[in-house]
Amino acid sequence: MHKLAIALGIVLLTSGSAMANCYEIIGCTDEDVFRKSDLRTFSCSTLWELRNTIYFEHGYCFKTKRAINFFGNDECYIDDAEDIDFNSIEETNIARISSVEKQKGC
């Protein structure tokens, strides 16, 4: 189980077109727009995990040692992040997480 799931209190895993994760505190990565006020309560590490979870759910092949160690690349199939077909909610969530990371100096 991912550390993020434990940190956020995972309530269920859903299966949509991608393998989305749902969290008690913020909702589902592909269905619920995350509120910045909620995201600000998370550590830089948790924000990093949450943002990269969205990429992981789409089969992204990570390049950094940190991400490979955390998520692995065993089942990845997309080498270029530009090739990922995020829905509009996922794009918004990634942007909001990135914005909060920047505000926090992560």
PDB file of N, CA and C in Angstrom:
ATOM      1  N   MET A   1       0.853  -1.177   0.000  1.00  0.00           N
ATOM      2  CA  MET A   1       0.000   0.000   0.000  1.00  0.00           C
ATOM      3  C   MET A   1       0.896   1.237   0.000  1.00  0.00           C
ATOM      4  N   HIS A   2       0.525   2.234  -0.777  1.00  0.00           N
ATOM      5  CA  HIS A   2       1.297   3.473  -0.831  1.00  0.00           C
ATOM      6  C   HIS A   2       1.241   4.197   0.502  1.00  0.00           C
ATOM      7  N   LYS A   3       2.321   4.883   0.817  1.00  0.00           N
ATOM      8  CA  LYS A   3       2.370   5.702   2.024  1.00  0.00           C
ATOM      9  C   LYS A   3       1.277   6.761   1.998  1.00  0.00           C
ATOM     10  N   LEU A   4       0.978   7.289   0.818  1.00  0.00           N
ATOM     11  CA  LEU A   4      -0.041   8.323   0.683  1.00  0.00           C
ATOM     12  C   LEU A   4      -1.399   7.804   1.123  1.00  0.00           C
ATOM     13  N   ALA A   5      -1.707   6.589   0.748  1.00  0.00           N
ATOM     14  CA  ALA A   5      -2.992   6.013   1.124  1.00  0.00           C
ATOM     15  C   ALA A   5      -3.133   5.971   2.630  1.00  0.00           C
ATOM     16  N   ILE A   6      -2.079   5.637   3.304  1.00  0.00           N
ATOM     17  CA  ILE A   6      -2.101   5.599   4.758  1.00  0.00           C
ATOM     18  C   ILE A   6      -2.222   7.012   5.315  1.00  0.00           C
ATOM     19  N   ALA A   7      -1.449   7.940   4.783  1.00  0.00           N
ATOM     20  CA  ALA A   7      -1.425   9.312   5.298  1.00  0.00           C
ATOM     21  C   ALA A   7      -2.767  10.017   5.138  1.00  0.00           C
ATOM     22  N   LEU A   8      -3.472   9.755   4.071  1.00  0.00           N
ATOM     23  CA  LEU A   8      -4.717  10.457   3.805  1.00  0.00           C
ATOM     24  C   LEU A   8      -5.955   9.680   4.240  1.00  0.00           C
ATOM     25  N   GLY A   9      -5.796   8.467   4.660  1.00  0.00           N
ATOM     26  CA  GLY A   9      -6.946   7.670   5.078  1.00  0.00           C
ATOM     27  C   GLY A   9      -7.742   7.179   3.884  1.00  0.00           C
ATOM     28  N   ILE A  10      -7.176   6.246   3.143  1.00  0.00           N
ATOM     29  CA  ILE A  10      -7.849   5.751   1.943  1.00  0.00           C
ATOM     30  C   ILE A  10      -9.158   5.060   2.324  1.00  0.00           C
ATOM     31  N   VAL A  11     -10.197   5.316   1.550  1.00  0.00           N
ATOM     32  CA  VAL A  11     -11.474   4.688   1.835  1.00  0.00           C
ATOM     33  C   VAL A  11     -11.857   3.648   0.802  1.00  0.00           C
ATOM     34  N   LEU A  12     -11.450   3.838  -0.436  1.00  0.00           N
ATOM     35  CA  LEU A  12     -11.732   2.840  -1.442  1.00  0.00           C
ATOM     36  C   LEU A  12     -10.914   3.094  -2.677  1.00  0.00           C
ATOM     37  N   LEU A  13     -10.751   2.066  -3.457  1.00  0.00           N
ATOM     38  CA  LEU A  13     -10.133   2.203  -4.766  1.00  0.00           C
ATOM     39  C   LEU A  13     -11.232   2.008  -5.788  1.00  0.00           C
ATOM     40  N   THR A  14     -11.286   2.889  -6.763  1.00  0.00           N
ATOM     41  CA  THR A  14     -12.287   2.756  -7.803  1.00  0.00           C
ATOM     42  C   THR A  14     -11.581   2.431  -9.093  1.00  0.00           C
ATOM     43  N   SER A  15     -12.303   1.873 -10.012  1.00  0.00           N
ATOM     44  CA  SER A  15     -11.706   1.612 -11.310  1.00  0.00           C
ATOM     45  C   SER A  15     -12.503   2.337 -12.373  1.00  0.00           C
ATOM     46  N   GLY A  16     -11.899   3.378 -12.908  1.00  0.00           N
ATOM     47  CA  GLY A  16     -12.479   4.095 -14.028  1.00  0.00           C
ATOM     48  C   GLY A  16     -11.640   3.741 -15.229  1.00  0.00           C
ATOM     49  N   SER A  17     -11.493   4.686 -16.158  1.00  0.00           N
ATOM     50  CA  SER A  17     -10.644   4.417 -17.308  1.00  0.00           C
ATOM     51  C   SER A  17      -9.203   4.237 -16.860  1.00  0.00           C
ATOM     52  N   ALA A  18      -8.825   4.947 -15.823  1.00  0.00           N
ATOM     53  CA  ALA A  18      -7.532   4.734 -15.186  1.00  0.00           C
ATOM     54  C   ALA A  18      -7.826   4.196 -13.792  1.00  0.00           C
ATOM     55  N   MET A  19      -6.805   3.798 -13.102  1.00  0.00           N
ATOM     56  CA  MET A  19      -6.974   3.237 -11.769  1.00  0.00           C
ATOM     57  C   MET A  19      -6.913   4.389 -10.761  1.00  0.00           C
ATOM     58  N   ALA A  20      -8.050   5.025 -10.489  1.00  0.00           N
ATOM     59  CA  ALA A  20      -8.073   6.200  -9.627  1.00  0.00           C
ATOM     60  C   ALA A  20      -8.085   5.804  -8.156  1.00  0.00           C
ATOM     61  N   ASN A  21      -7.454   6.628  -7.354  1.00  0.00           N
ATOM     62  CA  ASN A  21      -7.487   6.451  -5.907  1.00  0.00           C
ATOM     63  C   ASN A  21      -8.444   7.472  -5.315  1.00  0.00           C
ATOM     64  N   CYS A  22      -9.151   7.047  -4.283  1.00  0.00           N
ATOM     65  CA  CYS A  22     -10.075   7.925  -3.573  1.00  0.00           C
ATOM     66  C   CYS A  22      -9.631   8.007  -2.122  1.00  0.00           C
ATOM     67  N   TYR A  23      -9.681   9.226  -1.588  1.00  0.00           N
ATOM     68  CA  TYR A  23      -9.217   9.490  -0.237  1.00  0.00           C
ATOM     69  C   TYR A  23     -10.328  10.160   0.563  1.00  0.00           C
ATOM     70  N   GLU A  24     -10.426   9.780   1.796  1.00  0.00           N
ATOM     71  CA  GLU A  24     -11.473  10.293   2.674  1.00  0.00           C
ATOM     72  C   GLU A  24     -11.437  11.813   2.766  1.00  0.00           C
ATOM     73  N   ILE A  25     -10.277  12.387   2.845  1.00  0.00           N
ATOM     74  CA  ILE A  25     -10.134  13.821   3.089  1.00  0.00           C
ATOM     75  C   ILE A  25     -10.386  14.663   1.840  1.00  0.00           C
ATOM     76  N   ILE A  26      -9.905  14.229   0.684  1.00  0.00           N
ATOM     77  CA  ILE A  26      -9.941  15.091  -0.500  1.00  0.00           C
ATOM     78  C   ILE A  26     -10.767  14.557  -1.659  1.00  0.00           C
ATOM     79  N   GLY A  27     -11.130  13.297  -1.658  1.00  0.00           N
ATOM     80  CA  GLY A  27     -11.925  12.730  -2.749  1.00  0.00           C
ATOM     81  C   GLY A  27     -11.086  11.895  -3.701  1.00  0.00           C
ATOM     82  N   CYS A  28     -11.642  11.681  -4.887  1.00  0.00           N
ATOM     83  CA  CYS A  28     -11.006  10.820  -5.897  1.00  0.00           C
ATOM     84  C   CYS A  28     -10.160  11.651  -6.858  1.00  0.00           C
ATOM     85  N   THR A  29      -9.029  11.103  -7.243  1.00  0.00           N
ATOM     86  CA  THR A  29      -8.077  11.824  -8.077  1.00  0.00           C
ATOM     87  C   THR A  29      -8.649  12.202  -9.439  1.00  0.00           C
ATOM     88  N   ASP A  30      -9.618  11.429  -9.935  1.00  0.00           N
ATOM     89  CA  ASP A  30     -10.147  11.676 -11.274  1.00  0.00           C
ATOM     90  C   ASP A  30     -11.568  12.237 -11.292  1.00  0.00           C
ATOM     91  N   GLU A  31     -12.196  12.375 -10.129  1.00  0.00           N
ATOM     92  CA  GLU A  31     -13.598  12.814 -10.080  1.00  0.00           C
ATOM     93  C   GLU A  31     -13.830  14.070  -9.248  1.00  0.00           C
ATOM     94  N   ASP A  32     -12.965  14.353  -8.301  1.00  0.00           N
ATOM     95  CA  ASP A  32     -13.171  15.451  -7.367  1.00  0.00           C
ATOM     96  C   ASP A  32     -12.050  16.477  -7.485  1.00  0.00           C
ATOM     97  N   VAL A  33     -12.430  17.734  -7.643  1.00  0.00           N
ATOM     98  CA  VAL A  33     -11.435  18.798  -7.683  1.00  0.00           C
ATOM     99  C   VAL A  33     -10.960  19.043  -6.253  1.00  0.00           C
ATOM    100  N   PHE A  34      -9.663  18.908  -6.044  1.00  0.00           N
ATOM    101  CA  PHE A  34      -9.086  19.091  -4.713  1.00  0.00           C
ATOM    102  C   PHE A  34      -9.096  20.565  -4.336  1.00  0.00           C
ATOM    103  N   ARG A  35      -9.428  20.839  -3.102  1.00  0.00           N
ATOM    104  CA  ARG A  35      -9.411  22.210  -2.600  1.00  0.00           C
ATOM    105  C   ARG A  35      -8.002  22.537  -2.113  1.00  0.00           C
ATOM    106  N   LYS A  36      -7.528  23.732  -2.492  1.00  0.00           N
ATOM    107  CA  LYS A  36      -6.192  24.148  -2.065  1.00  0.00           C
ATOM    108  C   LYS A  36      -6.105  24.206  -0.546  1.00  0.00           C
ATOM    109  N   SER A  37      -7.194  24.585   0.110  1.00  0.00           N
ATOM    110  CA  SER A  37      -7.178  24.663   1.575  1.00  0.00           C
ATOM    111  C   SER A  37      -6.901  23.294   2.190  1.00  0.00           C
ATOM    112  N   ASP A  38      -7.415  22.234   1.575  1.00  0.00           N
ATOM    113  CA  ASP A  38      -7.120  20.880   2.053  1.00  0.00           C
ATOM    114  C   ASP A  38      -5.683  20.502   1.741  1.00  0.00           C
ATOM    115  N   LEU A  39      -5.249  20.814   0.526  1.00  0.00           N
ATOM    116  CA  LEU A  39      -3.894  20.456   0.106  1.00  0.00           C
ATOM    117  C   LEU A  39      -2.840  21.137   0.969  1.00  0.00           C
ATOM    118  N   ARG A  40      -3.110  22.351   1.415  1.00  0.00           N
ATOM    119  CA  ARG A  40      -2.134  23.097   2.230  1.00  0.00           C
ATOM    120  C   ARG A  40      -1.844  22.409   3.559  1.00  0.00           C
ATOM    121  N   THR A  41      -2.717  21.516   3.985  1.00  0.00           N
ATOM    122  CA  THR A  41      -2.495  20.823   5.260  1.00  0.00           C
ATOM    123  C   THR A  41      -1.504  19.673   5.131  1.00  0.00           C
ATOM    124  N   PHE A  42      -1.155  19.298   3.903  1.00  0.00           N
ATOM    125  CA  PHE A  42      -0.265  18.161   3.681  1.00  0.00           C
ATOM    126  C   PHE A  42       1.195  18.591   3.619  1.00  0.00           C
ATOM    127  N   SER A  43       2.067  17.679   3.975  1.00  0.00           N
ATOM    128  CA  SER A  43       3.505  17.919   3.886  1.00  0.00           C
ATOM    129  C   SER A  43       3.945  17.918   2.420  1.00  0.00           C
ATOM    130  N   CYS A  44       5.127  18.440   2.185  1.00  0.00           N
ATOM    131  CA  CYS A  44       5.692  18.412   0.834  1.00  0.00           C
ATOM    132  C   CYS A  44       5.793  16.984   0.309  1.00  0.00           C
ATOM    133  N   SER A  45       6.185  16.076   1.158  1.00  0.00           N
ATOM    134  CA  SER A  45       6.307  14.678   0.756  1.00  0.00           C
ATOM    135  C   SER A  45       4.954  14.101   0.333  1.00  0.00           C
ATOM    136  N   THR A  46       3.923  14.391   1.100  1.00  0.00           N
ATOM    137  CA  THR A  46       2.591  13.876   0.779  1.00  0.00           C
ATOM    138  C   THR A  46       2.064  14.507  -0.499  1.00  0.00           C
ATOM    139  N   LEU A  47       2.315  15.797  -0.695  1.00  0.00           N
ATOM    140  CA  LEU A  47       1.901  16.453  -1.938  1.00  0.00           C
ATOM    141  C   LEU A  47       2.608  15.823  -3.138  1.00  0.00           C
ATOM    142  N   TRP A  48       3.892  15.562  -3.002  1.00  0.00           N
ATOM    143  CA  TRP A  48       4.651  14.910  -4.075  1.00  0.00           C
ATOM    144  C   TRP A  48       4.045  13.546  -4.394  1.00  0.00           C
ATOM    145  N   GLU A  49       3.750  12.779  -3.347  1.00  0.00           N
ATOM    146  CA  GLU A  49       3.168  11.451  -3.535  1.00  0.00           C
ATOM    147  C   GLU A  49       1.806  11.542  -4.215  1.00  0.00           C
ATOM    148  N   LEU A  50       0.986  12.479  -3.789  1.00  0.00           N
ATOM    149  CA  LEU A  50      -0.346  12.644  -4.357  1.00  0.00           C
ATOM    150  C   LEU A  50      -0.276  13.032  -5.833  1.00  0.00           C
ATOM    151  N   ARG A  51       0.562  14.013  -6.158  1.00  0.00           N
ATOM    152  CA  ARG A  51       0.701  14.445  -7.556  1.00  0.00           C
ATOM    153  C   ARG A  51       1.188  13.307  -8.429  1.00  0.00           C
ATOM    154  N   ASN A  52       2.201  12.614  -7.966  1.00  0.00           N
ATOM    155  CA  ASN A  52       2.753  11.523  -8.767  1.00  0.00           C
ATOM    156  C   ASN A  52       1.849  10.302  -8.812  1.00  0.00           C
ATOM    157  N   THR A  53       0.972  10.149  -7.845  1.00  0.00           N
ATOM    158  CA  THR A  53      -0.012   9.066  -7.890  1.00  0.00           C
ATOM    159  C   THR A  53      -0.894   9.206  -9.119  1.00  0.00           C
ATOM    160  N   ILE A  54      -1.239  10.429  -9.470  1.00  0.00           N
ATOM    161  CA  ILE A  54      -2.085  10.648 -10.653  1.00  0.00           C
ATOM    162  C   ILE A  54      -1.351  10.184 -11.908  1.00  0.00           C
ATOM    163  N   TYR A  55      -0.062  10.451 -11.993  1.00  0.00           N
ATOM    164  CA  TYR A  55       0.736   9.958 -13.123  1.00  0.00           C
ATOM    165  C   TYR A  55       0.822   8.427 -13.092  1.00  0.00           C
ATOM    166  N   PHE A  56       1.050   7.876 -11.915  1.00  0.00           N
ATOM    167  CA  PHE A  56       1.145   6.422 -11.747  1.00  0.00           C
ATOM    168  C   PHE A  56      -0.138   5.729 -12.196  1.00  0.00           C
ATOM    169  N   GLU A  57      -1.271   6.326 -11.864  1.00  0.00           N
ATOM    170  CA  GLU A  57      -2.569   5.741 -12.228  1.00  0.00           C
ATOM    171  C   GLU A  57      -2.735   5.596 -13.739  1.00  0.00           C
ATOM    172  N   HIS A  58      -1.990   6.385 -14.496  1.00  0.00           N
ATOM    173  CA  HIS A  58      -2.077   6.358 -15.957  1.00  0.00           C
ATOM    174  C   HIS A  58      -0.956   5.550 -16.606  1.00  0.00           C
ATOM    175  N   GLY A  59      -0.163   4.868 -15.806  1.00  0.00           N
ATOM    176  CA  GLY A  59       0.878   4.013 -16.367  1.00  0.00           C
ATOM    177  C   GLY A  59       2.152   4.724 -16.754  1.00  0.00           C
ATOM    178  N   TYR A  60       2.420   5.874 -16.144  1.00  0.00           N
ATOM    179  CA  TYR A  60       3.623   6.631 -16.475  1.00  0.00           C
ATOM    180  C   TYR A  60       4.877   5.910 -15.992  1.00  0.00           C
ATOM    181  N   CYS A  61       5.896   5.918 -16.830  1.00  0.00           N
ATOM    182  CA  CYS A  61       7.196   5.341 -16.487  1.00  0.00           C
ATOM    183  C   CYS A  61       8.061   6.457 -15.894  1.00  0.00           C
ATOM    184  N   PHE A  62       8.275   6.378 -14.610  1.00  0.00           N
ATOM    185  CA  PHE A  62       9.000   7.433 -13.904  1.00  0.00           C
ATOM    186  C   PHE A  62      10.471   7.432 -14.273  1.00  0.00           C
ATOM    187  N   LYS A  63      11.067   8.616 -14.182  1.00  0.00           N
ATOM    188  CA  LYS A  63      12.470   8.802 -14.552  1.00  0.00           C
ATOM    189  C   LYS A  63      13.370   8.987 -13.342  1.00  0.00           C
ATOM    190  N   THR A  64      12.843   9.558 -12.253  1.00  0.00           N
ATOM    191  CA  THR A  64      13.694   9.841 -11.097  1.00  0.00           C
ATOM    192  C   THR A  64      13.805   8.627 -10.181  1.00  0.00           C
ATOM    193  N   LYS A  65      14.943   8.535  -9.534  1.00  0.00           N
ATOM    194  CA  LYS A  65      15.180   7.420  -8.612  1.00  0.00           C
ATOM    195  C   LYS A  65      14.134   7.410  -7.497  1.00  0.00           C
ATOM    196  N   ARG A  66      13.806   8.600  -6.976  1.00  0.00           N
ATOM    197  CA  ARG A  66      12.815   8.694  -5.897  1.00  0.00           C
ATOM    198  C   ARG A  66      11.470   8.100  -6.330  1.00  0.00           C
ATOM    199  N   ALA A  67      10.992   8.502  -7.501  1.00  0.00           N
ATOM    200  CA  ALA A  67       9.693   8.022  -7.984  1.00  0.00           C
ATOM    201  C   ALA A  67       9.728   6.529  -8.321  1.00  0.00           C
ATOM    202  N   ILE A  68      10.807   6.082  -8.924  1.00  0.00           N
ATOM    203  CA  ILE A  68      10.925   4.661  -9.254  1.00  0.00           C
ATOM    204  C   ILE A  68      10.955   3.829  -7.982  1.00  0.00           C
ATOM    205  N   ASN A  69      11.684   4.294  -6.975  1.00  0.00           N
ATOM    206  CA  ASN A  69      11.731   3.573  -5.697  1.00  0.00           C
ATOM    207  C   ASN A  69      10.373   3.538  -5.022  1.00  0.00           C
ATOM    208  N   PHE A  70       9.607   4.620  -5.139  1.00  0.00           N
ATOM    209  CA  PHE A  70       8.313   4.700  -4.469  1.00  0.00           C
ATOM    210  C   PHE A  70       7.224   3.945  -5.227  1.00  0.00           C
ATOM    211  N   PHE A  71       7.118   4.196  -6.539  1.00  0.00           N
ATOM    212  CA  PHE A  71       6.027   3.628  -7.329  1.00  0.00           C
ATOM    213  C   PHE A  71       6.431   2.386  -8.114  1.00  0.00           C
ATOM    214  N   GLY A  72       7.683   2.331  -8.512  1.00  0.00           N
ATOM    215  CA  GLY A  72       8.133   1.254  -9.388  1.00  0.00           C
ATOM    216  C   GLY A  72       7.731   1.537 -10.821  1.00  0.00           C
ATOM    217  N   ASN A  73       8.324   0.822 -11.727  1.00  0.00           N
ATOM    218  CA  ASN A  73       7.995   0.940 -13.149  1.00  0.00           C
ATOM    219  C   ASN A  73       7.611  -0.401 -13.753  1.00  0.00           C
ATOM    220  N   ASP A  74       7.294  -1.365 -12.917  1.00  0.00           N
ATOM    221  CA  ASP A  74       7.003  -2.716 -13.401  1.00  0.00           C
ATOM    222  C   ASP A  74       5.835  -2.778 -14.379  1.00  0.00           C
ATOM    223  N   GLU A  75       4.821  -1.973 -14.162  1.00  0.00           N
ATOM    224  CA  GLU A  75       3.630  -2.031 -15.020  1.00  0.00           C
ATOM    225  C   GLU A  75       3.430  -0.749 -15.823  1.00  0.00           C
ATOM    226  N   CYS A  76       4.469   0.037 -15.960  1.00  0.00           N
ATOM    227  CA  CYS A  76       4.336   1.291 -16.697  1.00  0.00           C
ATOM    228  C   CYS A  76       4.327   1.029 -18.201  1.00  0.00           C
ATOM    229  N   TYR A  77       3.712   1.959 -18.932  1.00  0.00           N
ATOM    230  CA  TYR A  77       3.662   1.808 -20.386  1.00  0.00           C
ATOM    231  C   TYR A  77       3.665   3.151 -21.122  1.00  0.00           C
ATOM    232  N   ILE A  78       3.743   4.272 -20.398  1.00  0.00           N
ATOM    233  CA  ILE A  78       3.811   5.584 -21.040  1.00  0.00           C
ATOM    234  C   ILE A  78       5.127   6.246 -20.631  1.00  0.00           C
ATOM    235  N   ASP A  79       5.997   6.463 -21.621  1.00  0.00           N
ATOM    236  CA  ASP A  79       7.318   7.036 -21.345  1.00  0.00           C
ATOM    237  C   ASP A  79       7.325   8.555 -21.291  1.00  0.00           C
ATOM    238  N   ASP A  80       6.438   9.195 -22.010  1.00  0.00           N
ATOM    239  CA  ASP A  80       6.417  10.654 -22.099  1.00  0.00           C
ATOM    240  C   ASP A  80       5.155  11.182 -21.432  1.00  0.00           C
ATOM    241  N   ALA A  81       5.319  12.023 -20.427  1.00  0.00           N
ATOM    242  CA  ALA A  81       4.174  12.577 -19.694  1.00  0.00           C
ATOM    243  C   ALA A  81       3.228  13.332 -20.624  1.00  0.00           C
ATOM    244  N   GLU A  82       3.745  13.868 -21.709  1.00  0.00           N
ATOM    245  CA  GLU A  82       2.901  14.580 -22.678  1.00  0.00           C
ATOM    246  C   GLU A  82       1.896  13.649 -23.349  1.00  0.00           C
ATOM    247  N   ASP A  83       2.152  12.355 -23.327  1.00  0.00           N
ATOM    248  CA  ASP A  83       1.267  11.383 -23.964  1.00  0.00           C
ATOM    249  C   ASP A  83       0.131  10.912 -23.052  1.00  0.00           C
ATOM    250  N   ILE A  84       0.117  11.372 -21.810  1.00  0.00           N
ATOM    251  CA  ILE A  84      -0.925  10.953 -20.871  1.00  0.00           C
ATOM    252  C   ILE A  84      -2.193  11.747 -21.160  1.00  0.00           C
ATOM    253  N   ASP A  85      -3.308  11.037 -21.223  1.00  0.00           N
ATOM    254  CA  ASP A  85      -4.604  11.649 -21.498  1.00  0.00           C
ATOM    255  C   ASP A  85      -5.338  11.895 -20.178  1.00  0.00           C
ATOM    256  N   PHE A  86      -4.906  12.939 -19.449  1.00  0.00           N
ATOM    257  CA  PHE A  86      -5.574  13.293 -18.202  1.00  0.00           C
ATOM    258  C   PHE A  86      -6.942  13.883 -18.513  1.00  0.00           C
ATOM    259  N   ASN A  87      -7.916  13.632 -17.637  1.00  0.00           N
ATOM    260  CA  ASN A  87      -9.173  14.348 -17.792  1.00  0.00           C
ATOM    261  C   ASN A  87      -9.006  15.732 -17.169  1.00  0.00           C
ATOM    262  N   SER A  88      -9.995  16.595 -17.342  1.00  0.00           N
ATOM    263  CA  SER A  88      -9.862  17.986 -16.884  1.00  0.00           C
ATOM    264  C   SER A  88      -9.720  18.079 -15.367  1.00  0.00           C
ATOM    265  N   ILE A  89     -10.340  17.178 -14.628  1.00  0.00           N
ATOM    266  CA  ILE A  89     -10.227  17.196 -13.169  1.00  0.00           C
ATOM    267  C   ILE A  89      -8.814  16.815 -12.749  1.00  0.00           C
ATOM    268  N   GLU A  90      -8.259  15.796 -13.378  1.00  0.00           N
ATOM    269  CA  GLU A  90      -6.880  15.396 -13.066  1.00  0.00           C
ATOM    270  C   GLU A  90      -5.907  16.532 -13.383  1.00  0.00           C
ATOM    271  N   GLU A  91      -6.101  17.200 -14.510  1.00  0.00           N
ATOM    272  CA  GLU A  91      -5.234  18.325 -14.866  1.00  0.00           C
ATOM    273  C   GLU A  91      -5.335  19.433 -13.822  1.00  0.00           C
ATOM    274  N   THR A  92      -6.554  19.719 -13.386  1.00  0.00           N
ATOM    275  CA  THR A  92      -6.757  20.740 -12.354  1.00  0.00           C
ATOM    276  C   THR A  92      -6.090  20.326 -11.058  1.00  0.00           C
ATOM    277  N   ASN A  93      -6.250  19.064 -10.674  1.00  0.00           N
ATOM    278  CA  ASN A  93      -5.647  18.595  -9.422  1.00  0.00           C
ATOM    279  C   ASN A  93      -4.134  18.656  -9.467  1.00  0.00           C
ATOM    280  N   ILE A  94      -3.549  18.265 -10.575  1.00  0.00           N
ATOM    281  CA  ILE A  94      -2.089  18.350 -10.712  1.00  0.00           C
ATOM    282  C   ILE A  94      -1.635  19.800 -10.597  1.00  0.00           C
ATOM    283  N   ALA A  95      -2.340  20.701 -11.265  1.00  0.00           N
ATOM    284  CA  ALA A  95      -1.986  22.122 -11.219  1.00  0.00           C
ATOM    285  C   ALA A  95      -2.125  22.672  -9.799  1.00  0.00           C
ATOM    286  N   ARG A  96      -3.185  22.291  -9.106  1.00  0.00           N
ATOM    287  CA  ARG A  96      -3.384  22.786  -7.739  1.00  0.00           C
ATOM    288  C   ARG A  96      -2.338  22.224  -6.780  1.00  0.00           C
ATOM    289  N   ILE A  97      -2.028  20.955  -6.915  1.00  0.00           N
ATOM    290  CA  ILE A  97      -1.000  20.360  -6.070  1.00  0.00           C
ATOM    291  C   ILE A  97       0.335  21.050  -6.324  1.00  0.00           C
ATOM    292  N   SER A  98       0.679  21.238  -7.596  1.00  0.00           N
ATOM    293  CA  SER A  98       1.936  21.905  -7.957  1.00  0.00           C
ATOM    294  C   SER A  98       1.987  23.324  -7.402  1.00  0.00           C
ATOM    295  N   SER A  99       0.862  24.028  -7.472  1.00  0.00           N
ATOM    296  CA  SER A  99       0.784  25.397  -6.952  1.00  0.00           C
ATOM    297  C   SER A  99       1.030  25.425  -5.446  1.00  0.00           C
ATOM    298  N   VAL A 100       0.421  24.496  -4.733  1.00  0.00           N
ATOM    299  CA  VAL A 100       0.609  24.436  -3.273  1.00  0.00           C
ATOM    300  C   VAL A 100       2.051  24.047  -2.946  1.00  0.00           C
ATOM    301  N   GLU A 101       2.611  23.114  -3.723  1.00  0.00           N
ATOM    302  CA  GLU A 101       4.010  22.742  -3.518  1.00  0.00           C
ATOM    303  C   GLU A 101       4.909  23.976  -3.673  1.00  0.00           C
ATOM    304  N   LYS A 102       4.644  24.770  -4.690  1.00  0.00           N
ATOM    305  CA  LYS A 102       5.438  25.973  -4.931  1.00  0.00           C
ATOM    306  C   LYS A 102       5.260  26.962  -3.784  1.00  0.00           C
ATOM    307  N   GLN A 103       4.015  27.172  -3.344  1.00  0.00           N
ATOM    308  CA  GLN A 103       3.740  28.097  -2.235  1.00  0.00           C
ATOM    309  C   GLN A 103       4.461  27.665  -0.949  1.00  0.00           C
ATOM    310  N   LYS A 104       4.537  26.361  -0.744  1.00  0.00           N
ATOM    311  CA  LYS A 104       5.169  25.823   0.458  1.00  0.00           C
ATOM    312  C   LYS A 104       6.693  25.729   0.325  1.00  0.00           C
ATOM    313  N   GLY A 105       7.198  25.983  -0.871  1.00  0.00           N
ATOM    314  CA  GLY A 105       8.639  25.893  -1.094  1.00  0.00           C
ATOM    315  C   GLY A 105       9.143  24.467  -1.164  1.00  0.00           C
ATOM    316  N   CYS A 106       8.312  23.598  -1.644  1.00  0.00           N
ATOM    317  CA  CYS A 106       8.689  22.168  -1.741  1.00  0.00           C
ATOM    318  C   CYS A 106       9.708  21.950  -2.854  1.00  0.00           C
TER     319      CYS A 106
END
